[in-house]
PDB file of N, CA and C in Angstrom:
ATOM      1  N   MET A   1     -42.375 112.714-117.460  1.00  0.00           N
ATOM      2  CA  MET A   1     -43.555 113.444-116.930  1.00  0.00           C
ATOM      3  C   MET A   1     -43.641 114.166-115.715  1.00  0.00           C
ATOM      4  N   SER A   2     -44.119 115.121-115.508  1.00  0.00           N
ATOM      5  CA  SER A   2     -43.924 115.612-114.239  1.00  0.00           C
ATOM      6  C   SER A   2     -44.868 116.005-113.071  1.00  0.00           C
ATOM      7  N   ASN A   3     -46.111 115.000-113.835  1.00  0.00           N
ATOM      8  CA  ASN A   3     -47.219 115.190-112.881  1.00  0.00           C
ATOM      9  C   ASN A   3     -48.308 113.958-113.381  1.00  0.00           C
ATOM     10  N   LEU A   4     -49.225 113.442-112.447  1.00  0.00           N
ATOM     11  CA  LEU A   4     -50.073 112.596-112.658  1.00  0.00           C
ATOM     12  C   LEU A   4     -50.960 112.708-113.739  1.00  0.00           C
ATOM     13  N   SER A   5     -51.341 113.947-113.685  1.00  0.00           N
ATOM     14  CA  SER A   5     -52.721 114.247-114.804  1.00  0.00           C
ATOM     15  C   SER A   5     -51.457 113.751-116.364  1.00  0.00           C
ATOM     16  N   GLU A   6     -50.447 114.469-116.559  1.00  0.00           N
ATOM     17  CA  GLU A   6     -49.613 113.496-117.359  1.00  0.00           C
ATOM     18  C   GLU A   6     -49.865 112.186-117.647  1.00  0.00           C
ATOM     19  N   LEU A   7     -49.725 111.187-116.979  1.00  0.00           N
ATOM     20  CA  LEU A   7     -49.664 109.898-116.944  1.00  0.00           C
ATOM     21  C   LEU A   7     -51.133 109.564-117.401  1.00  0.00           C
ATOM     22  N   PHE A   8     -52.142 110.315-117.090  1.00  0.00           N
ATOM     23  CA  PHE A   8     -53.645 109.785-117.252  1.00  0.00           C
ATOM     24  C   PHE A   8     -53.871 109.952-118.753  1.00  0.00           C
ATOM     25  N   LYS A   9     -52.699 110.646-119.650  1.00  0.00           N
ATOM     26  CA  LYS A   9     -52.785 111.088-121.108  1.00  0.00           C
ATOM     27  C   LYS A   9     -52.553 110.011-121.704  1.00  0.00           C
ATOM     28  N   LEU A  10     -51.569 108.973-121.284  1.00  0.00           N
ATOM     29  CA  LEU A  10     -51.297 108.056-121.472  1.00  0.00           C
ATOM     30  C   LEU A  10     -52.465 107.001-122.213  1.00  0.00           C
ATOM     31  N   SER A  11     -52.142 106.050-123.328  1.00  0.00           N
ATOM     32  CA  SER A  11     -53.378 105.241-123.668  1.00  0.00           C
ATOM     33  C   SER A  11     -53.322 104.240-122.614  1.00  0.00           C
ATOM     34  N   ALA A  12     -54.465 103.003-122.889  1.00  0.00           N
ATOM     35  CA  ALA A  12     -54.308 102.551-121.648  1.00  0.00           C
ATOM     36  C   ALA A  12     -53.395 101.077-121.827  1.00  0.00           C
ATOM     37  N   ALA A  13     -52.801 100.980-123.200  1.00  0.00           N
ATOM     38  CA  ALA A  13     -51.841 100.253-123.120  1.00  0.00           C
ATOM     39  C   ALA A  13     -50.659 100.625-122.369  1.00  0.00           C
ATOM     40  N   GLU A  14     -50.031 102.000-122.807  1.00  0.00           N
ATOM     41  CA  GLU A  14     -48.771 102.681-122.175  1.00  0.00           C
ATOM     42  C   GLU A  14     -49.046 102.664-120.647  1.00  0.00           C
ATOM     43  N   ARG A  15     -50.143 102.787-120.200  1.00  0.00           N
ATOM     44  CA  ARG A  15     -50.487 102.950-118.930  1.00  0.00           C
ATOM     45  C   ARG A  15     -50.226 101.364-118.057  1.00  0.00           C
ATOM     46  N   VAL A  16     -50.471 100.645-118.672  1.00  0.00           N
ATOM     47  CA  VAL A  16     -50.556  99.067-118.286  1.00  0.00           C
ATOM     48  C   VAL A  16     -48.973  98.884-118.313  1.00  0.00           C
ATOM     49  N   GLN A  17     -48.178  99.329-119.461  1.00  0.00           N
ATOM     50  CA  GLN A  17     -46.550  98.866-119.756  1.00  0.00           C
ATOM     51  C   GLN A  17     -45.947  99.434-118.533  1.00  0.00           C
ATOM     52  N   LEU A  18     -46.528 100.935-118.114  1.00  0.00           N
ATOM     53  CA  LEU A  18     -45.608 101.450-117.417  1.00  0.00           C
ATOM     54  C   LEU A  18     -46.098 100.912-115.669  1.00  0.00           C
ATOM     55  N   ALA A  19     -47.109 100.368-115.268  1.00  0.00           N
ATOM     56  CA  ALA A  19     -47.822  99.560-114.399  1.00  0.00           C
ATOM     57  C   ALA A  19     -46.464  98.474-114.314  1.00  0.00           C
ATOM     58  N   GLN A  20     -46.698  97.906-115.302  1.00  0.00           N
ATOM     59  CA  GLN A  20     -45.635  96.823-115.471  1.00  0.00           C
ATOM     60  C   GLN A  20     -44.308  96.740-114.997  1.00  0.00           C
ATOM     61  N   ASP A  21     -43.597  98.051-115.938  1.00  0.00           N
ATOM     62  CA  ASP A  21     -42.506  98.387-115.859  1.00  0.00           C
ATOM     63  C   ASP A  21     -42.151  99.115-114.106  1.00  0.00           C
ATOM     64  N   LEU A  22     -43.056  99.621-113.578  1.00  0.00           N
ATOM     65  CA  LEU A  22     -43.212 100.020-112.126  1.00  0.00           C
ATOM     66  C   LEU A  22     -42.716  98.754-111.411  1.00  0.00           C
ATOM     67  N   TRP A  23     -43.758  97.561-111.364  1.00  0.00           N
ATOM     68  CA  TRP A  23     -43.660  96.695-110.347  1.00  0.00           C
ATOM     69  C   TRP A  23     -42.275  95.650-110.952  1.00  0.00           C
ATOM     70  N   ASP A  24     -42.107  95.636-111.944  1.00  0.00           N
ATOM     71  CA  ASP A  24     -40.531  94.817-111.945  1.00  0.00           C
ATOM     72  C   ASP A  24     -39.634  95.613-111.605  1.00  0.00           C
ATOM     73  N   SER A  25     -39.564  97.226-111.597  1.00  0.00           N
ATOM     74  CA  SER A  25     -38.244  97.819-110.671  1.00  0.00           C
ATOM     75  C   SER A  25     -38.837  97.571-109.313  1.00  0.00           C
ATOM     76  N   VAL A  26     -40.085  97.274-108.745  1.00  0.00           N
ATOM     77  CA  VAL A  26     -39.929  96.964-107.191  1.00  0.00           C
ATOM     78  C   VAL A  26     -39.783  95.581-107.351  1.00  0.00           C
ATOM     79  N   ALA A  27     -40.145  94.744-107.990  1.00  0.00           N
ATOM     80  CA  ALA A  27     -39.966  93.556-107.414  1.00  0.00           C
ATOM     81  C   ALA A  27     -38.109  92.980-107.765  1.00  0.00           C
ATOM     82  N   SER A  28     -37.702  93.641-108.328  1.00  0.00           N
ATOM     83  CA  SER A  28     -36.046  93.453-108.567  1.00  0.00           C
ATOM     84  C   SER A  28     -35.156  93.497-107.282  1.00  0.00           C
ATOM     85  N   GLU A  29     -36.077  94.408-106.433  1.00  0.00           N
ATOM     86  CA  GLU A  29     -35.303  94.637-105.070  1.00  0.00           C
ATOM     87  C   GLU A  29     -36.010  93.776-103.970  1.00  0.00           C
ATOM     88  N   PRO A  30     -36.086  92.447-104.127  1.00  0.00           N
ATOM     89  CA  PRO A  30     -36.826  91.540-103.208  1.00  0.00           C
ATOM     90  C   PRO A  30     -36.701  92.215-101.742  1.00  0.00           C
ATOM     91  N   ASP A  31     -35.454  92.306-101.583  1.00  0.00           N
ATOM     92  CA  ASP A  31     -35.241  93.061 -99.834  1.00  0.00           C
ATOM     93  C   ASP A  31     -35.894  94.178 -99.204  1.00  0.00           C
ATOM     94  N   ARG A  32     -36.738  95.040-100.148  1.00  0.00           N
ATOM     95  CA  ARG A  32     -37.200  96.141-100.344  1.00  0.00           C
ATOM     96  C   ARG A  32     -38.566  96.022-100.085  1.00  0.00           C
ATOM     97  N   MET A  33     -39.428  95.077-100.362  1.00  0.00           N
ATOM     98  CA  MET A  33     -40.711  94.742-100.874  1.00  0.00           C
ATOM     99  C   MET A  33     -41.132  94.665 -99.140  1.00  0.00           C
ATOM    100  N   PRO A  34     -42.459  95.253 -99.400  1.00  0.00           N
ATOM    101  CA  PRO A  34     -43.082  95.488 -98.139  1.00  0.00           C
ATOM    102  C   PRO A  34     -43.707  93.881 -97.934  1.00  0.00           C
ATOM    103  N   PRO A  35     -43.930  93.855 -96.400  1.00  0.00           N
ATOM    104  CA  PRO A  35     -44.172  92.656 -96.124  1.00  0.00           C
ATOM    105  C   PRO A  35     -45.534  92.142 -96.380  1.00  0.00           C
ATOM    106  N   LEU A  36     -45.615  90.638 -96.732  1.00  0.00           N
ATOM    107  CA  LEU A  36     -47.272  90.084 -97.170  1.00  0.00           C
ATOM    108  C   LEU A  36     -47.891  90.211 -95.573  1.00  0.00           C
ATOM    109  N   SER A  37     -49.244  90.959 -95.982  1.00  0.00           N
ATOM    110  CA  SER A  37     -50.602  90.800 -94.869  1.00  0.00           C
ATOM    111  C   SER A  37     -50.611  89.199 -94.282  1.00  0.00           C
ATOM    112  N   GLN A  38     -51.063  88.731 -93.473  1.00  0.00           N
ATOM    113  CA  GLN A  38     -51.554  87.415 -93.066  1.00  0.00           C
ATOM    114  C   GLN A  38     -52.682  87.125 -94.100  1.00  0.00           C
ATOM    115  N   ALA A  39     -53.791  87.786 -94.669  1.00  0.00           N
ATOM    116  CA  ALA A  39     -54.646  87.876 -95.453  1.00  0.00           C
ATOM    117  C   ALA A  39     -53.882  87.259 -96.897  1.00  0.00           C
ATOM    118  N   GLN A  40     -52.887  87.694 -97.049  1.00  0.00           N
ATOM    119  CA  GLN A  40     -51.870  87.615 -98.463  1.00  0.00           C
ATOM    120  C   GLN A  40     -51.091  86.266 -98.264  1.00  0.00           C
ATOM    121  N   LYS A  41     -50.619  85.770 -97.114  1.00  0.00           N
ATOM    122  CA  LYS A  41     -50.375  84.661 -96.878  1.00  0.00           C
ATOM    123  C   LYS A  41     -51.168  83.486 -96.832  1.00  0.00           C
ATOM    124  N   ASN A  42     -52.252  83.883 -96.646  1.00  0.00           N
ATOM    125  CA  ASN A  42     -53.470  82.728 -96.834  1.00  0.00           C
ATOM    126  C   ASN A  42     -54.037  82.589 -98.067  1.00  0.00           C
ATOM    127  N   GLU A  43     -54.002  83.850 -98.622  1.00  0.00           N
ATOM    128  CA  GLU A  43     -54.650  83.210-100.251  1.00  0.00           C
ATOM    129  C   GLU A  43     -53.514  82.423-100.902  1.00  0.00           C
ATOM    130  N   ILE A  44     -52.232  82.770-100.886  1.00  0.00           N
ATOM    131  CA  ILE A  44     -51.063  82.135-101.434  1.00  0.00           C
ATOM    132  C   ILE A  44     -51.131  80.469-101.033  1.00  0.00           C
ATOM    133  N   ASP A  45     -51.093  80.385 -99.713  1.00  0.00           N
ATOM    134  CA  ASP A  45     -51.036  79.056 -99.041  1.00  0.00           C
ATOM    135  C   ASP A  45     -52.536  78.386 -99.958  1.00  0.00           C
ATOM    136  N   ARG A  46     -53.479  78.970-100.027  1.00  0.00           N
ATOM    137  CA  ARG A  46     -55.043  78.572-100.544  1.00  0.00           C
ATOM    138  C   ARG A  46     -54.786  78.251-102.091  1.00  0.00           C
ATOM    139  N   ARG A  47     -53.832  78.907-102.760  1.00  0.00           N
ATOM    140  CA  ARG A  47     -53.291  78.893-104.132  1.00  0.00           C
ATOM    141  C   ARG A  47     -52.698  77.594-104.201  1.00  0.00           C
ATOM    142  N   LEU A  48     -51.632  77.412-103.525  1.00  0.00           N
ATOM    143  CA  LEU A  48     -50.347  76.561-103.329  1.00  0.00           C
ATOM    144  C   LEU A  48     -51.000  74.814-102.825  1.00  0.00           C
ATOM    145  N   ALA A  49     -52.150  75.324-102.184  1.00  0.00           N
ATOM    146  CA  ALA A  49     -52.794  73.538-101.776  1.00  0.00           C
ATOM    147  C   ALA A  49     -53.394  73.384-102.784  1.00  0.00           C
ATOM    148  N   ASP A  50     -54.377  74.405-103.675  1.00  0.00           N
ATOM    149  CA  ASP A  50     -55.221  74.074-104.885  1.00  0.00           C
ATOM    150  C   ASP A  50     -54.351  73.633-106.002  1.00  0.00           C
ATOM    151  N   HIS A  51     -53.098  74.190-106.209  1.00  0.00           N
ATOM    152  CA  HIS A  51     -52.524  73.734-107.085  1.00  0.00           C
ATOM    153  C   HIS A  51     -52.092  72.375-106.825  1.00  0.00           C
ATOM    154  N   VAL A  52     -51.657  71.745-105.597  1.00  0.00           N
ATOM    155  CA  VAL A  52     -51.117  70.380-105.319  1.00  0.00           C
ATOM    156  C   VAL A  52     -52.216  69.519-105.715  1.00  0.00           C
ATOM    157  N   VAL A  53     -53.869  69.766-105.761  1.00  0.00           N
ATOM    158  CA  VAL A  53     -54.469  69.211-105.661  1.00  0.00           C
ATOM    159  C   VAL A  53     -54.488  68.943-107.326  1.00  0.00           C
ATOM    160  N   ASN A  54     -54.989  70.511-108.065  1.00  0.00           N
ATOM    161  CA  ASN A  54     -55.086  70.234-109.355  1.00  0.00           C
ATOM    162  C   ASN A  54     -53.741  70.662-110.057  1.00  0.00           C
ATOM    163  N   PRO A  55     -52.623  69.944-110.272  1.00  0.00           N
ATOM    164  CA  PRO A  55     -51.861  70.455-110.654  1.00  0.00           C
ATOM    165  C   PRO A  55     -51.540  71.006-112.127  1.00  0.00           C
ATOM    166  N   ALA A  56     -52.438  70.229-112.827  1.00  0.00           N
ATOM    167  CA  ALA A  56     -52.615  70.715-114.512  1.00  0.00           C
ATOM    168  C   ALA A  56     -53.507  72.343-114.581  1.00  0.00           C
ATOM    169  N   ASN A  57     -54.271  72.423-113.711  1.00  0.00           N
ATOM    170  CA  ASN A  57     -55.022  73.357-113.811  1.00  0.00           C
ATOM    171  C   ASN A  57     -54.251  74.759-113.646  1.00  0.00           C
ATOM    172  N   ILE A  58     -53.604  74.975-114.614  1.00  0.00           N
ATOM    173  CA  ILE A  58     -52.619  76.229-114.900  1.00  0.00           C
ATOM    174  C   ILE A  58     -52.507  76.981-116.170  1.00  0.00           C
ATOM    175  N   GLU A  59     -52.185  78.180-115.714  1.00  0.00           N
ATOM    176  CA  GLU A  59     -52.138  79.169-117.528  1.00  0.00           C
ATOM    177  C   GLU A  59     -50.717  79.582-117.170  1.00  0.00           C
ATOM    178  N   SER A  60     -50.014  79.669-118.242  1.00  0.00           N
ATOM    179  CA  SER A  60     -48.611  80.519-118.237  1.00  0.00           C
ATOM    180  C   SER A  60     -48.783  81.841-118.214  1.00  0.00           C
ATOM    181  N   TRP A  61     -47.565  82.822-117.740  1.00  0.00           N
ATOM    182  CA  TRP A  61     -47.984  84.250-117.730  1.00  0.00           C
ATOM    183  C   TRP A  61     -47.555  84.616-118.887  1.00  0.00           C
ATOM    184  N   GLY A  62     -47.384  84.173-120.089  1.00  0.00           N
ATOM    185  CA  GLY A  62     -47.493  84.617-121.265  1.00  0.00           C
ATOM    186  C   GLY A  62     -49.194  84.230-121.934  1.00  0.00           C
ATOM    187  N   ASP A  63     -49.842  83.279-121.734  1.00  0.00           N
ATOM    188  CA  ASP A  63     -51.468  83.538-121.890  1.00  0.00           C
ATOM    189  C   ASP A  63     -51.867  84.382-121.115  1.00  0.00           C
ATOM    190  N   VAL A  64     -51.842  84.188-119.837  1.00  0.00           N
ATOM    191  CA  VAL A  64     -52.625  85.480-119.244  1.00  0.00           C
ATOM    192  C   VAL A  64     -51.965  86.839-119.884  1.00  0.00           C
ATOM    193  N   ARG A  65     -50.861  87.241-119.648  1.00  0.00           N
ATOM    194  CA  ARG A  65     -50.746  88.775-120.429  1.00  0.00           C
ATOM    195  C   ARG A  65     -51.282  88.666-121.795  1.00  0.00           C
ATOM    196  N   ASP A  66     -51.353  87.794-122.429  1.00  0.00           N
ATOM    197  CA  ASP A  66     -51.724  87.891-124.183  1.00  0.00           C
ATOM    198  C   ASP A  66     -53.035  88.544-123.654  1.00  0.00           C
ATOM    199  N   ARG A  67     -53.861  87.337-122.980  1.00  0.00           N
ATOM    200  CA  ARG A  67     -55.503  87.832-122.850  1.00  0.00           C
ATOM    201  C   ARG A  67     -55.708  89.087-122.570  1.00  0.00           C
ATOM    202  N   LEU A  68     -54.843  89.320-121.671  1.00  0.00           N
ATOM    203  CA  LEU A  68     -54.930  91.053-120.900  1.00  0.00           C
ATOM    204  C   LEU A  68     -54.739  92.053-122.055  1.00  0.00           C
ATOM    205  N   TRP A  69     -53.489  91.769-123.061  1.00  0.00           N
ATOM    206  CA  TRP A  69     -53.309  92.907-123.789  1.00  0.00           C
ATOM    207  C   TRP A  69     -54.420  92.717-124.650  1.00  0.00           C
ATOM    208  N   LEU A  70     -55.030  91.704-125.266  1.00  0.00           N
ATOM    209  CA  LEU A  70     -56.298  91.832-126.252  1.00  0.00           C
ATOM    210  C   LEU A  70     -57.259  92.362-125.820  1.00  0.00           C
ATOM    211  N   ARG A  71     -57.679  92.070-124.261  1.00  0.00           N
ATOM    212  CA  ARG A  71     -58.561  92.992-123.768  1.00  0.00           C
ATOM    213  C   ARG A  71     -58.628  94.714-123.648  1.00  0.00           C
ATOM    214  N   ILE A  72     -57.495  94.806-123.637  1.00  0.00           N
ATOM    215  CA  ILE A  72     -57.184  96.432-123.755  1.00  0.00           C
ATOM    216  C   ILE A  72     -56.442  96.749-125.409  1.00  0.00           C
ATOM    217  N   GLY A  73     -56.423  96.004-125.769  1.00  0.00           N
ATOM    218  CA  GLY A  73     -55.882  96.663-126.954  1.00  0.00           C
ATOM    219  C   GLY A  73     -56.709  97.180-128.205  1.00  0.00           C
TER     220      GLY A  73
END
């Protein structure tokens, strides 16, 4: 695809898959990831602290992904 307007012709599911594929390609190179902001670090700390207090309050990535696919399906 040569330009952005072509990408918007994809279905919602195709665009989500493209976004996931792009993110996976970025995440596969952790040394090239942009640094986290202080707000992002604070949010990670908050979520970790919540998990320590409520370890059973979790959802697997598979469950989250399936729920999201159902929304756009």
